[in-house]
Amino acid sequence: MERAIVDVVGTRWVLEGAGVRLRRSIGGGPLDYLDPFLLLDHFGSDDPEDYLSGFPMHPHRGIETVTYMLAGEVDHRDTLGNTGTIGPGDVQWMTAGGGIMHEEMPRPREGHMEGFQLWVNLPAAHKMTAPRYREMKAEEIPSVERPDGVVVRVVAGEVDGVVGPVREIVAEPTYLDVTVPEGAEFRHPVPEQENAFAYIFRGSVELEDGGAGSGLLVFGPGEAVRLLAGDEGARLLLVAGRPLGEPIARYGPFVMTTQDEIERALRDLRDGTFVWRPAD
């Protein structure tokens, strides 16, 4: 059974970090949480004033963050000792676990910068796990090209027997960058127990009422998603993952299961004991 589109969520402009202007579709507003996905931000501009202030060193606990670049670059460093730069087509998947501080500073390439950041919740049993950082360069991410011209970059999950490089993630996610030519169809199986959404960031897809859909589309239950591209084609992220079904308590960059755990995170931050350290 194909999944129906049960909600169409527009993006809203927000300021984050030291003044980065970005579009948010999950996290506050009409769609606060789509278990296990906590936040989806789409950043990008031809005006450096919209993003050069960046995201100076800041904390995270209890989540995983996924940064996927389309254009420009982001310089990063963290308290694990990781430093580097991710550019077009690259992915950074960071497990904050019990506590990490990191910095992300965007800069343009050929006058443009664009990308996405997705937050994925961690189950209660993994909230205080050891932080972990993985970086996949563009050439490590395989593409599948179908006979009808549909092209899929497989960041996580599997398409037509091709498996993405992001693995060993608790939510067992699918994360695909899909380009669909005008009038072509993209169909992909998604296990019934998973939540799924598509974020249309170029062009549009046909809705059941015959209208054109863009922004974030939330799918209902079923075994597969099917999207038909509109007159200008479509480029989209398809994301799916196994819901945790656990309570969440959130405060800025901290997402835990109880308010007491949030208060502990704030105390740890004040006391200088926030960053995760292995037990003696």
Protein backbone atom coordinates (compact mmCIF):
# COMPACT_ATOMS: atom_id res chain seq x y z
CA MET A 1 0.00 0.00 0.00
CA GLU A 2 1.34 3.41 -0.96
CA ARG A 3 1.58 6.09 1.70
CA ALA A 4 -0.71 9.07 1.36
CA ILE A 5 0.57 12.59 2.01
CA VAL A 6 -1.15 13.53 5.27
CA ASP A 7 0.36 16.97 5.84
CA VAL A 8 2.08 19.71 3.85
CA VAL A 9 4.27 21.87 6.09
CA GLY A 10 5.62 25.21 4.92
CA THR A 11 8.99 26.56 5.99
CA ARG A 12 9.41 29.54 8.31
CA TRP A 13 12.38 31.88 8.54
CA VAL A 14 14.33 31.80 11.82
CA LEU A 15 17.63 33.16 13.12
CA GLU A 16 20.00 30.70 14.80
CA GLY A 17 23.62 30.63 15.96
CA ALA A 18 25.18 34.07 15.90
CA GLY A 19 22.57 35.32 13.40
CA VAL A 20 22.28 32.75 10.60
CA ARG A 21 19.06 33.14 8.61
CA LEU A 22 17.54 29.78 7.67
CA ARG A 23 14.27 28.02 6.80
CA ARG A 24 12.85 25.56 9.36
CA SER A 25 10.16 22.96 8.69
CA ILE A 26 10.50 20.57 11.67
CA GLY A 27 11.04 21.95 15.17
CA GLY A 28 8.53 24.34 16.69
CA GLY A 29 5.79 25.84 14.56
CA PRO A 30 3.21 23.58 12.88
CA LEU A 31 5.40 20.45 13.06
CA ASP A 32 7.31 20.30 16.33
CA TYR A 33 8.42 16.66 16.16
CA LEU A 34 8.12 13.73 13.77
CA ASP A 35 9.52 10.88 15.87
CA PRO A 36 12.53 10.37 15.74
CA PHE A 37 13.20 13.61 13.79
CA LEU A 38 13.47 16.72 15.94
CA LEU A 39 14.49 19.46 13.53
CA LEU A 40 15.08 20.13 9.84
CA ASP A 41 16.78 23.37 8.79
CA HIS A 42 17.49 24.47 5.22
CA PHE A 43 20.21 27.10 5.13
CA GLY A 44 21.52 28.91 2.09
CA SER A 45 21.87 32.27 0.43
CA ASP A 46 23.76 34.29 -2.15
CA ASP A 47 24.20 36.99 0.52
CA PRO A 48 27.07 36.21 2.93
CA GLU A 49 25.46 38.47 5.54
CA ASP A 50 22.80 35.77 5.97
CA TYR A 51 25.26 33.18 7.28
CA LEU A 52 28.87 34.30 7.82
CA SER A 53 28.27 34.85 11.56
CA GLY A 54 27.90 31.07 11.74
CA PHE A 55 27.48 28.84 14.75
CA PRO A 56 30.30 29.53 17.25
CA MET A 57 31.17 26.84 19.82
CA HIS A 58 27.94 25.50 21.35
CA PRO A 59 26.79 22.36 23.23
CA HIS A 60 24.65 19.36 22.28
CA ARG A 61 23.43 16.40 24.30
CA GLY A 62 21.04 13.52 23.62
CA ILE A 63 20.78 13.78 19.83
CA GLU A 64 22.49 13.16 16.50
CA THR A 65 22.98 15.95 13.95
CA VAL A 66 23.26 15.41 10.21
CA THR A 67 24.70 18.19 8.02
CA TYR A 68 24.43 17.74 4.24
CA MET A 69 25.99 20.32 1.95
CA LEU A 70 24.83 21.32 -1.53
CA ALA A 71 27.05 24.37 -2.09
CA GLY A 72 29.72 26.32 -0.25
CA GLU A 73 31.66 25.01 2.73
CA VAL A 74 31.44 24.69 6.50
CA ASP A 75 34.56 24.75 8.69
CA HIS A 76 34.04 22.77 11.87
CA ARG A 77 35.79 21.76 15.09
CA ASP A 78 34.68 20.02 18.28
CA THR A 79 35.76 18.85 21.71
CA LEU A 80 36.62 15.39 20.36
CA GLY A 81 39.51 17.05 18.54
CA ASN A 82 37.91 16.83 15.10
CA THR A 83 38.56 19.69 12.70
CA GLY A 84 37.98 20.04 9.00
CA THR A 85 35.83 21.37 6.21
CA ILE A 86 32.80 19.86 4.50
CA GLY A 87 31.87 21.01 1.02
CA PRO A 88 29.35 20.29 -1.76
CA GLY A 89 27.95 16.77 -1.53
CA ASP A 90 29.67 16.02 1.79
CA VAL A 91 27.90 14.74 4.92
CA GLN A 92 28.73 15.17 8.59
CA TRP A 93 26.90 12.83 10.99
CA MET A 94 27.60 13.66 14.63
CA THR A 95 26.37 11.71 17.62
CA ALA A 96 26.36 14.18 20.51
CA GLY A 97 25.52 11.51 23.08
CA GLY A 98 26.47 12.51 26.62
CA GLY A 99 27.88 15.88 25.65
CA ILE A 100 29.90 17.60 22.97
CA MET A 101 30.78 21.19 22.06
CA HIS A 102 31.25 22.05 18.42
CA GLU A 103 31.53 24.97 16.03
CA GLU A 104 30.24 25.31 12.45
CA MET A 105 31.26 28.32 10.36
CA PRO A 106 29.77 28.52 6.84
CA ARG A 107 31.45 30.24 3.92
CA PRO A 108 30.57 30.54 0.24
CA ARG A 109 32.10 28.88 -2.76
CA GLU A 110 31.57 30.72 -6.05
CA GLY A 111 29.26 33.13 -4.22
CA HIS A 112 26.76 30.61 -2.84
CA MET A 113 26.25 28.45 0.24
CA GLU A 114 23.44 25.94 0.83
CA GLY A 115 22.72 22.82 2.85
CA PHE A 116 20.59 21.11 5.46
CA GLN A 117 20.81 20.11 9.08
CA LEU A 118 18.63 17.34 10.50
CA TRP A 119 18.42 16.43 14.20
CA VAL A 120 17.65 12.80 15.06
CA ASN A 121 16.62 11.81 18.57
CA LEU A 122 18.54 9.20 20.57
CA PRO A 123 16.65 6.67 22.72
CA ALA A 124 16.87 7.05 26.48
CA ALA A 125 19.34 4.16 26.75
CA HIS A 126 21.75 5.95 24.39
CA LYS A 127 21.35 9.57 25.53
CA MET A 128 24.58 9.56 27.53
CA THR A 129 26.61 7.38 25.16
CA ALA A 130 30.07 8.35 23.94
CA PRO A 131 30.02 11.10 21.30
CA ARG A 132 31.00 10.05 17.80
CA TYR A 133 31.80 11.90 14.60
CA ARG A 134 31.68 10.65 11.03
CA GLU A 135 32.38 12.54 7.82
CA MET A 136 31.60 11.24 4.34
CA LYS A 137 33.05 13.02 1.33
CA ALA A 138 30.94 13.43 -1.80
CA GLU A 139 32.84 10.70 -3.65
CA GLU A 140 31.97 8.19 -0.89
CA ILE A 141 28.23 8.64 -1.37
CA PRO A 142 26.92 6.35 -4.15
CA SER A 143 24.35 7.38 -6.74
CA VAL A 144 21.69 5.29 -8.44
CA GLU A 145 20.50 6.38 -11.88
CA ARG A 146 17.28 4.79 -13.06
CA PRO A 147 16.26 4.37 -16.72
CA ASP A 148 13.64 7.13 -16.46
CA GLY A 149 16.29 9.68 -15.42
CA VAL A 150 15.62 9.63 -11.67
CA VAL A 151 18.92 10.03 -9.80
CA VAL A 152 19.27 9.10 -6.12
CA ARG A 153 22.26 9.88 -3.89
CA VAL A 154 22.15 7.30 -1.10
CA VAL A 155 23.44 8.83 2.14
CA ALA A 156 21.78 6.25 4.41
CA GLY A 157 19.56 3.29 3.65
CA GLU A 158 19.32 1.24 0.47
CA VAL A 159 18.10 1.94 -3.07
CA ASP A 160 18.00 -0.76 -5.76
CA GLY A 161 20.60 -2.80 -3.88
CA VAL A 162 22.96 0.16 -3.31
CA VAL A 163 23.65 0.89 0.38
CA GLY A 164 24.63 4.30 1.73
CA PRO A 165 27.78 4.81 3.82
CA VAL A 166 26.02 6.09 6.97
CA ARG A 167 25.35 2.99 9.08
CA GLU A 168 25.13 1.84 12.70
CA ILE A 169 22.61 4.56 13.55
CA VAL A 170 20.03 3.69 16.22
CA ALA A 171 17.05 4.97 14.19
CA GLU A 172 18.17 2.88 11.16
CA PRO A 173 17.38 5.87 8.92
CA THR A 174 16.90 6.36 5.22
CA TYR A 175 18.37 9.63 3.90
CA LEU A 176 18.18 10.13 0.14
CA ASP A 177 18.83 13.10 -2.16
CA VAL A 178 16.50 12.49 -5.12
CA THR A 179 16.32 14.31 -8.45
CA VAL A 180 13.17 13.55 -10.48
CA PRO A 181 12.79 14.83 -14.08
CA GLU A 182 9.62 16.57 -15.23
CA GLY A 183 6.69 14.13 -15.28
CA ALA A 184 8.76 11.23 -13.92
CA GLU A 185 7.84 9.18 -10.87
CA PHE A 186 9.91 8.24 -7.84
CA ARG A 187 8.77 5.23 -5.85
CA HIS A 188 10.61 3.80 -2.86
CA PRO A 189 9.65 1.16 -0.26
CA VAL A 190 9.58 2.32 3.36
CA PRO A 191 8.96 -0.21 6.18
CA GLU A 192 5.50 0.17 7.71
CA GLN A 193 6.85 0.83 11.20
CA GLU A 194 8.85 3.90 10.12
CA ASN A 195 7.89 7.56 9.93
CA ALA A 196 8.75 9.28 6.66
CA PHE A 197 8.82 12.72 5.08
CA ALA A 198 9.98 14.34 1.85
CA TYR A 199 11.39 17.85 1.70
CA ILE A 200 10.93 19.35 -1.78
CA PHE A 201 13.58 22.04 -2.23
CA ARG A 202 13.55 22.43 -6.02
CA GLY A 203 10.49 22.32 -8.25
CA SER A 204 7.36 20.54 -7.03
CA VAL A 205 5.45 17.24 -6.94
CA GLU A 206 1.81 16.49 -7.69
CA LEU A 207 -0.57 16.29 -4.74
CA GLU A 208 -3.63 14.05 -4.65
CA ASP A 209 -5.93 17.02 -5.30
CA GLY A 210 -3.99 17.87 -8.44
CA GLY A 211 -2.14 20.79 -6.87
CA ALA A 212 1.61 21.32 -6.73
CA GLY A 213 3.41 20.43 -3.50
CA SER A 214 6.67 21.83 -2.18
CA GLY A 215 8.20 22.24 1.27
CA LEU A 216 7.86 19.33 3.68
CA LEU A 217 5.42 16.50 2.97
CA VAL A 218 4.54 14.08 5.79
CA PHE A 219 3.52 10.56 4.76
CA GLY A 220 0.89 8.44 6.47
CA PRO A 221 1.09 4.66 7.03
CA GLY A 222 1.89 2.28 4.22
CA GLU A 223 4.70 0.32 2.60
CA ALA A 224 6.03 2.72 -0.05
CA VAL A 225 6.17 6.37 -1.05
CA ARG A 226 5.36 7.54 -4.56
CA LEU A 227 6.01 11.05 -5.87
CA LEU A 228 5.31 12.42 -9.36
CA ALA A 229 7.38 15.43 -10.38
CA GLY A 230 5.70 18.58 -11.66
CA ASP A 231 6.38 20.66 -14.77
CA GLU A 232 9.82 21.79 -13.58
CA GLY A 233 10.87 18.43 -12.15
CA ALA A 234 11.72 18.09 -8.48
CA ARG A 235 14.68 17.67 -6.19
CA LEU A 236 13.98 16.44 -2.69
CA LEU A 237 15.25 14.77 0.44
CA LEU A 238 13.45 11.57 1.41
CA VAL A 239 13.99 10.76 5.07
CA ALA A 240 12.56 7.88 7.11
CA GLY A 241 13.35 6.28 10.45
CA ARG A 242 12.04 4.06 13.21
CA PRO A 243 10.12 6.05 15.86
CA LEU A 244 11.29 5.68 19.45
CA GLY A 245 7.93 6.18 21.13
CA GLU A 246 9.58 7.78 24.17
CA PRO A 247 8.85 11.06 25.95
CA ILE A 248 11.09 13.99 25.13
CA ALA A 249 12.17 17.04 27.11
CA ARG A 250 13.94 19.68 25.05
CA TYR A 251 15.74 22.89 25.77
CA GLY A 252 17.67 24.44 22.91
CA PRO A 253 20.48 22.06 21.92
CA PHE A 254 19.57 19.48 24.61
CA VAL A 255 16.96 16.76 24.04
CA MET A 256 16.49 14.33 26.91
CA THR A 257 13.59 12.26 28.28
CA THR A 258 12.88 14.19 31.51
CA GLN A 259 13.07 17.76 32.73
CA ASP A 260 15.46 16.63 35.48
CA GLU A 261 17.91 15.53 32.79
CA ILE A 262 17.63 18.93 31.11
CA GLU A 263 18.39 20.64 34.42
CA ARG A 264 21.39 18.35 34.89
CA ALA A 265 22.69 19.33 31.44
CA LEU A 266 22.40 23.00 32.37
CA ARG A 267 24.21 22.38 35.69
CA ASP A 268 26.96 20.46 33.90
CA LEU A 269 27.35 23.34 31.47
CA ARG A 270 27.64 25.87 34.30
CA ASP A 271 30.04 23.64 36.27
CA GLY A 272 32.34 22.93 33.34
CA THR A 273 31.58 19.20 33.44
CA PHE A 274 29.32 19.07 30.38
CA VAL A 275 31.66 17.49 27.84
CA TRP A 276 31.49 13.69 27.89
CA ARG A 277 34.44 11.87 29.44
CA PRO A 278 34.91 8.08 29.64
CA ALA A 279 34.28 6.53 33.05
CA ASP A 280 37.37 5.83 35.15
